[in-house]
C-alpha cells in the first residue's frame, strides 16, 4: 500500500497538464487578438483607400474660367444687370454637371445662395455636362431676372460669384465693377 500512496501523491504529470491548458488558452487568446487586429487593419486600409479615391475624384472634376468676365449695364446708369463668364474643365478633369450645380452671388449688400443663372454651350453639345474640350457660357441674372439681389452692384463694387458643382472644387470668380457703367453697355471686369 505504501507504494500505491506514492503513485497517488505524485503530481508531476498533473502539473504538466495544467501548463498545457494554460498554454492552449494563451494561444487561443493570441489568435483571437491577432484576428481582431488584422480585421481592424484591413478596415482602416479600405477606408483610407476610399478617402484617397474620393479626394482624387473631387480634385479632378473642377472647372476653370475660360475667357473674360463681362458685366452688362442695367437699363439705368450706374448698376449692372448681369454678369457673364465662360468655363471649361481643367486639364485632366472629369465632366461637371451644371444642372446639379449651384451659383452663389455675394457683394457688399447681398448674399444670394442660389442666384438665377443660365447656361449656354459655346463649344460642344448642350446637355449641361461640361466635358473635355467643351466651353460653356454662364450668365448670372442680377436685374430683372428674378434674382434675390436687392441692390445691383454699382461702380467700383467688388463682387464674388461661386459655382458649386455636385463634386469637385468650387470655382470662385472675384471681380471689381468698372468705374463707369452706362445703360445696356458691356464691360470686361477684372
C-alpha atoms as a PDB file:
ATOM      1  CA  UNK A   1       0.000   0.000   0.000  1.00  0.00           C
ATOM      2  CA  UNK A   2       2.788   2.310   0.677  1.00  0.00           C
ATOM      3  CA  UNK A   3       3.810   2.123  -2.936  1.00  0.00           C
ATOM      4  CA  UNK A   4       0.223   2.842  -4.014  1.00  0.00           C
ATOM      5  CA  UNK A   5       0.137   6.072  -1.940  1.00  0.00           C
ATOM      6  CA  UNK A   6       3.343   7.108  -3.532  1.00  0.00           C
ATOM      7  CA  UNK A   7       1.805   6.883  -7.031  1.00  0.00           C
ATOM      8  CA  UNK A   8      -1.350   8.774  -5.978  1.00  0.00           C
ATOM      9  CA  UNK A   9       0.596  11.614  -4.407  1.00  0.00           C
ATOM     10  CA  UNK A  10       2.899  12.045  -7.409  1.00  0.00           C
ATOM     11  CA  UNK A  11       1.533  15.169  -9.186  1.00  0.00           C
ATOM     12  CA  UNK A  12       4.280  15.733 -11.789  1.00  0.00           C
ATOM     13  CA  UNK A  13       2.022  14.750 -14.673  1.00  0.00           C
ATOM     14  CA  UNK A  14      -0.853  16.887 -13.372  1.00  0.00           C
ATOM     15  CA  UNK A  15       1.373  19.995 -13.353  1.00  0.00           C
ATOM     16  CA  UNK A  16       2.301  19.323 -16.989  1.00  0.00           C
ATOM     17  CA  UNK A  17      -1.394  19.061 -17.891  1.00  0.00           C
ATOM     18  CA  UNK A  18      -2.148  22.404 -16.190  1.00  0.00           C
ATOM     19  CA  UNK A  19       0.707  24.053 -18.084  1.00  0.00           C
ATOM     20  CA  UNK A  20      -0.600  22.653 -21.398  1.00  0.00           C
ATOM     21  CA  UNK A  21      -4.103  24.009 -20.695  1.00  0.00           C
ATOM     22  CA  UNK A  22      -2.721  27.470 -19.851  1.00  0.00           C
ATOM     23  CA  UNK A  23      -0.553  27.397 -22.984  1.00  0.00           C
ATOM     24  CA  UNK A  24      -3.535  26.462 -25.168  1.00  0.00           C
ATOM     25  CA  UNK A  25      -5.570  29.294 -23.594  1.00  0.00           C
ATOM     26  CA  UNK A  26      -2.790  31.790 -24.363  1.00  0.00           C
ATOM     27  CA  UNK A  27      -2.604  30.578 -27.969  1.00  0.00           C
ATOM     28  CA  UNK A  28      -6.387  30.891 -28.409  1.00  0.00           C
ATOM     29  CA  UNK A  29      -6.410  34.412 -26.918  1.00  0.00           C
ATOM     30  CA  UNK A  30      -3.470  35.434 -29.129  1.00  0.00           C
ATOM     31  CA  UNK A  31      -5.216  34.037 -32.220  1.00  0.00           C
ATOM     32  CA  UNK A  32      -8.424  35.948 -31.453  1.00  0.00           C
ATOM     33  CA  UNK A  33      -6.461  39.134 -30.755  1.00  0.00           C
ATOM     34  CA  UNK A  34      -4.491  38.842 -33.995  1.00  0.00           C
ATOM     35  CA  UNK A  35      -7.736  38.210 -35.956  1.00  0.00           C
ATOM     36  CA  UNK A  36      -9.276  41.357 -34.465  1.00  0.00           C
ATOM     37  CA  UNK A  37      -6.140  43.405 -35.179  1.00  0.00           C
ATOM     38  CA  UNK A  38      -5.939  42.170 -38.790  1.00  0.00           C
ATOM     39  CA  UNK A  39      -9.639  42.941 -39.292  1.00  0.00           C
ATOM     40  CA  UNK A  40      -9.160  46.473 -37.947  1.00  0.00           C
ATOM     41  CA  UNK A  41      -6.115  46.936 -40.166  1.00  0.00           C
ATOM     42  CA  UNK A  42      -7.991  45.806 -43.278  1.00  0.00           C
ATOM     43  CA  UNK A  43     -10.922  48.087 -42.401  1.00  0.00           C
ATOM     44  CA  UNK A  44      -8.589  51.066 -41.912  1.00  0.00           C
ATOM     45  CA  UNK A  45      -6.809  50.338 -45.181  1.00  0.00           C
ATOM     46  CA  UNK A  46     -10.133  50.144 -47.042  1.00  0.00           C
ATOM     47  CA  UNK A  47     -11.354  53.450 -45.561  1.00  0.00           C
ATOM     48  CA  UNK A  48      -8.049  55.140 -46.415  1.00  0.00           C
ATOM     49  CA  UNK A  49      -8.345  53.890 -49.987  1.00  0.00           C
ATOM     50  CA  UNK A  50     -11.915  55.260 -50.232  1.00  0.00           C
ATOM     51  CA  UNK A  51     -10.754  58.652 -48.936  1.00  0.00           C
ATOM     52  CA  UNK A  52      -7.942  58.800 -51.493  1.00  0.00           C
ATOM     53  CA  UNK A  53     -10.273  57.863 -54.369  1.00  0.00           C
ATOM     54  CA  UNK A  54     -12.871  60.429 -53.271  1.00  0.00           C
ATOM     55  CA  UNK A  55     -10.190  63.127 -52.965  1.00  0.00           C
ATOM     56  CA  UNK A  56      -8.849  62.380 -56.434  1.00  0.00           C
ATOM     57  CA  UNK A  57     -12.379  62.431 -57.903  1.00  0.00           C
ATOM     58  CA  UNK A  58     -13.171  65.764 -56.262  1.00  0.00           C
ATOM     59  CA  UNK A  59      -9.893  67.374 -57.246  1.00  0.00           C
ATOM     60  CA  UNK A  60     -10.113  66.191 -60.837  1.00  0.00           C
ATOM     61  CA  UNK A  61     -13.685  67.264 -61.556  1.00  0.00           C
ATOM     62  CA  UNK A  62     -13.282  71.003 -61.299  1.00  0.00           C
ATOM     63  CA  UNK A  63     -13.902  73.792 -63.782  1.00  0.00           C
ATOM     64  CA  UNK A  64     -11.951  76.934 -64.561  1.00  0.00           C
ATOM     65  CA  UNK A  65     -12.738  80.328 -66.053  1.00  0.00           C
ATOM     66  CA  UNK A  66     -12.023  80.179 -69.782  1.00  0.00           C
ATOM     67  CA  UNK A  67     -12.146  83.730 -71.053  1.00  0.00           C
ATOM     68  CA  UNK A  68     -13.333  87.156 -69.980  1.00  0.00           C
ATOM     69  CA  UNK A  69     -15.827  88.062 -67.289  1.00  0.00           C
ATOM     70  CA  UNK A  70     -18.319  90.529 -68.784  1.00  0.00           C
ATOM     71  CA  UNK A  71     -20.774  92.789 -66.946  1.00  0.00           C
ATOM     72  CA  UNK A  72     -23.802  94.290 -68.682  1.00  0.00           C
ATOM     73  CA  UNK A  73     -25.101  97.657 -67.548  1.00  0.00           C
ATOM     74  CA  UNK A  74     -28.677  97.817 -66.292  1.00  0.00           C
ATOM     75  CA  UNK A  75     -31.354  99.871 -68.074  1.00  0.00           C
ATOM     76  CA  UNK A  76     -30.407 102.799 -65.815  1.00  0.00           C
ATOM     77  CA  UNK A  77     -26.868 104.159 -65.459  1.00  0.00           C
ATOM     78  CA  UNK A  78     -24.647 103.158 -62.554  1.00  0.00           C
ATOM     79  CA  UNK A  79     -25.531  99.489 -61.938  1.00  0.00           C
ATOM     80  CA  UNK A  80     -25.005  96.048 -63.505  1.00  0.00           C
ATOM     81  CA  UNK A  81     -27.868  93.815 -64.743  1.00  0.00           C
ATOM     82  CA  UNK A  82     -25.975  90.553 -65.286  1.00  0.00           C
ATOM     83  CA  UNK A  83     -22.519  89.047 -65.270  1.00  0.00           C
ATOM     84  CA  UNK A  84     -21.360  86.561 -67.891  1.00  0.00           C
ATOM     85  CA  UNK A  85     -18.309  84.302 -67.793  1.00  0.00           C
ATOM     86  CA  UNK A  86     -17.093  81.209 -69.615  1.00  0.00           C
ATOM     87  CA  UNK A  87     -15.978  77.890 -68.145  1.00  0.00           C
ATOM     88  CA  UNK A  88     -14.331  74.658 -69.238  1.00  0.00           C
ATOM     89  CA  UNK A  89     -12.942  71.657 -67.374  1.00  0.00           C
ATOM     90  CA  UNK A  90      -9.432  71.777 -66.003  1.00  0.00           C
ATOM     91  CA  UNK A  91      -6.714  69.675 -67.606  1.00  0.00           C
ATOM     92  CA  UNK A  92      -7.410  66.032 -66.864  1.00  0.00           C
ATOM     93  CA  UNK A  93     -10.647  66.909 -65.097  1.00  0.00           C
ATOM     94  CA  UNK A  94     -13.755  64.788 -65.265  1.00  0.00           C
ATOM     95  CA  UNK A  95     -17.109  66.121 -66.537  1.00  0.00           C
ATOM     96  CA  UNK A  96     -19.139  68.559 -64.393  1.00  0.00           C
ATOM     97  CA  UNK A  97     -22.942  68.523 -64.397  1.00  0.00           C
ATOM     98  CA  UNK A  98     -24.194  72.126 -64.462  1.00  0.00           C
ATOM     99  CA  UNK A  99     -27.810  71.055 -63.931  1.00  0.00           C
ATOM    100  CA  UNK A 100     -26.860  69.938 -60.413  1.00  0.00           C
ATOM    101  CA  UNK A 101     -24.609  72.919 -59.670  1.00  0.00           C
ATOM    102  CA  UNK A 102     -25.420  75.991 -57.579  1.00  0.00           C
ATOM    103  CA  UNK A 103     -24.411  79.595 -58.281  1.00  0.00           C
ATOM    104  CA  UNK A 104     -23.875  81.877 -55.281  1.00  0.00           C
ATOM    105  CA  UNK A 105     -23.607  85.662 -55.593  1.00  0.00           C
ATOM    106  CA  UNK A 106     -22.067  87.971 -52.965  1.00  0.00           C
ATOM    107  CA  UNK A 107     -21.335  91.706 -52.845  1.00  0.00           C
ATOM    108  CA  UNK A 108     -21.211  94.350 -50.115  1.00  0.00           C
ATOM    109  CA  UNK A 109     -25.049  94.468 -49.868  1.00  0.00           C
ATOM    110  CA  UNK A 110     -26.171  90.993 -50.958  1.00  0.00           C
ATOM    111  CA  UNK A 111     -25.691  87.299 -50.410  1.00  0.00           C
ATOM    112  CA  UNK A 112     -27.804  85.094 -52.679  1.00  0.00           C
ATOM    113  CA  UNK A 113     -27.306  81.372 -52.080  1.00  0.00           C
ATOM    114  CA  UNK A 114     -28.941  80.239 -55.317  1.00  0.00           C
ATOM    115  CA  UNK A 115     -28.804  83.098 -57.803  1.00  0.00           C
ATOM    116  CA  UNK A 116     -30.790  82.932 -61.064  1.00  0.00           C
ATOM    117  CA  UNK A 117     -28.423  81.871 -63.810  1.00  0.00           C
ATOM    118  CA  UNK A 118     -28.432  80.332 -67.234  1.00  0.00           C
ATOM    119  CA  UNK A 119     -26.033  78.229 -69.272  1.00  0.00           C
ATOM    120  CA  UNK A 120     -25.313  78.064 -72.964  1.00  0.00           C
ATOM    121  CA  UNK A 121     -22.950  75.741 -74.820  1.00  0.00           C
ATOM    122  CA  UNK A 122     -20.371  77.709 -76.813  1.00  0.00           C
ATOM    123  CA  UNK A 123     -18.313  74.684 -77.889  1.00  0.00           C
ATOM    124  CA  UNK A 124     -19.796  71.182 -77.624  1.00  0.00           C
ATOM    125  CA  UNK A 125     -23.245  69.729 -77.097  1.00  0.00           C
ATOM    126  CA  UNK A 126     -25.870  71.445 -74.949  1.00  0.00           C
ATOM    127  CA  UNK A 127     -26.525  68.698 -72.395  1.00  0.00           C
ATOM    128  CA  UNK A 128     -25.334  70.882 -69.452  1.00  0.00           C
ATOM    129  CA  UNK A 129     -22.483  68.440 -68.851  1.00  0.00           C
ATOM    130  CA  UNK A 130     -19.159  70.257 -69.249  1.00  0.00           C
ATOM    131  CA  UNK A 131     -16.853  67.669 -70.768  1.00  0.00           C
ATOM    132  CA  UNK A 132     -13.287  67.729 -72.045  1.00  0.00           C
ATOM    133  CA  UNK A 133     -12.925  70.254 -74.853  1.00  0.00           C
ATOM    134  CA  UNK A 134     -16.278  71.943 -74.238  1.00  0.00           C
ATOM    135  CA  UNK A 135     -16.851  75.571 -73.274  1.00  0.00           C
ATOM    136  CA  UNK A 136     -19.989  76.924 -71.604  1.00  0.00           C
ATOM    137  CA  UNK A 137     -21.268  80.443 -71.036  1.00  0.00           C
ATOM    138  CA  UNK A 138     -22.664  81.152 -67.562  1.00  0.00           C
ATOM    139  CA  UNK A 139     -24.850  84.240 -67.052  1.00  0.00           C
ATOM    140  CA  UNK A 140     -25.823  85.358 -63.541  1.00  0.00           C
ATOM    141  CA  UNK A 141     -29.053  87.375 -63.753  1.00  0.00           C
ATOM    142  CA  UNK A 142     -28.876  90.168 -61.168  1.00  0.00           C
ATOM    143  CA  UNK A 143     -31.533  92.530 -62.509  1.00  0.00           C
ATOM    144  CA  UNK A 144     -34.993  91.783 -63.810  1.00  0.00           C
ATOM    145  CA  UNK A 145     -34.294  88.043 -64.000  1.00  0.00           C
ATOM    146  CA  UNK A 146     -35.995  87.427 -60.659  1.00  0.00           C
ATOM    147  CA  UNK A 147     -32.855  87.028 -58.525  1.00  0.00           C
ATOM    148  CA  UNK A 148     -32.945  87.794 -54.850  1.00  0.00           C
ATOM    149  CA  UNK A 149     -30.349  90.544 -55.338  1.00  0.00           C
ATOM    150  CA  UNK A 150     -31.813  93.576 -53.539  1.00  0.00           C
ATOM    151  CA  UNK A 151     -29.380  96.167 -54.880  1.00  0.00           C
ATOM    152  CA  UNK A 152     -27.458  95.529 -58.067  1.00  0.00           C
ATOM    153  CA  UNK A 153     -23.690  96.080 -58.000  1.00  0.00           C
ATOM    154  CA  UNK A 154     -22.580  99.612 -58.751  1.00  0.00           C
ATOM    155  CA  UNK A 155     -19.398 101.321 -59.867  1.00  0.00           C
ATOM    156  CA  UNK A 156     -16.143 100.022 -58.331  1.00  0.00           C
ATOM    157  CA  UNK A 157     -18.061  97.489 -56.203  1.00  0.00           C
ATOM    158  CA  UNK A 158     -16.387  94.138 -55.563  1.00  0.00           C
ATOM    159  CA  UNK A 159     -18.436  91.024 -56.297  1.00  0.00           C
ATOM    160  CA  UNK A 160     -17.882  87.308 -55.799  1.00  0.00           C
ATOM    161  CA  UNK A 161     -19.609  84.516 -57.729  1.00  0.00           C
ATOM    162  CA  UNK A 162     -19.159  80.891 -56.677  1.00  0.00           C
ATOM    163  CA  UNK A 163     -20.079  77.995 -58.972  1.00  0.00           C
ATOM    164  CA  UNK A 164     -20.525  74.918 -56.782  1.00  0.00           C
ATOM    165  CA  UNK A 165     -20.608  71.655 -58.765  1.00  0.00           C
ATOM    166  CA  UNK A 166     -22.006  68.474 -57.146  1.00  0.00           C
ATOM    167  CA  UNK A 167     -18.456  67.092 -56.846  1.00  0.00           C
ATOM    168  CA  UNK A 168     -15.145  68.822 -57.165  1.00  0.00           C
ATOM    169  CA  UNK A 169     -13.700  72.152 -56.277  1.00  0.00           C
ATOM    170  CA  UNK A 170     -15.754  75.338 -56.113  1.00  0.00           C
ATOM    171  CA  UNK A 171     -14.992  77.881 -58.846  1.00  0.00           C
ATOM    172  CA  UNK A 172     -14.655  81.361 -57.314  1.00  0.00           C
ATOM    173  CA  UNK A 173     -14.856  84.411 -59.577  1.00  0.00           C
ATOM    174  CA  UNK A 174     -13.988  87.684 -57.792  1.00  0.00           C
ATOM    175  CA  UNK A 175     -14.069  90.920 -59.740  1.00  0.00           C
ATOM    176  CA  UNK A 176     -14.473  94.703 -59.324  1.00  0.00           C
ATOM    177  CA  UNK A 177     -17.106  96.546 -61.293  1.00  0.00           C
ATOM    178  CA  UNK A 178     -15.887  99.253 -63.712  1.00  0.00           C
ATOM    179  CA  UNK A 179     -15.535 102.900 -62.598  1.00  0.00           C
ATOM    180  CA  UNK A 180     -18.296 103.943 -65.007  1.00  0.00           C
ATOM    181  CA  UNK A 181     -21.393 101.972 -66.001  1.00  0.00           C
ATOM    182  CA  UNK A 182     -23.818 103.173 -68.678  1.00  0.00           C
ATOM    183  CA  UNK A 183     -27.151 101.589 -69.517  1.00  0.00           C
ATOM    184  CA  UNK A 184     -27.090  98.433 -71.692  1.00  0.00           C
ATOM    185  CA  UNK A 185     -23.306  98.630 -72.223  1.00  0.00           C
ATOM    186  CA  UNK A 186     -20.918  95.685 -71.836  1.00  0.00           C
ATOM    187  CA  UNK A 187     -17.707  95.825 -69.767  1.00  0.00           C
ATOM    188  CA  UNK A 188     -14.887  93.378 -69.257  1.00  0.00           C
ATOM    189  CA  UNK A 189     -14.282  93.290 -65.495  1.00  0.00           C
ATOM    190  CA  UNK A 190     -11.056  92.385 -63.708  1.00  0.00           C
END
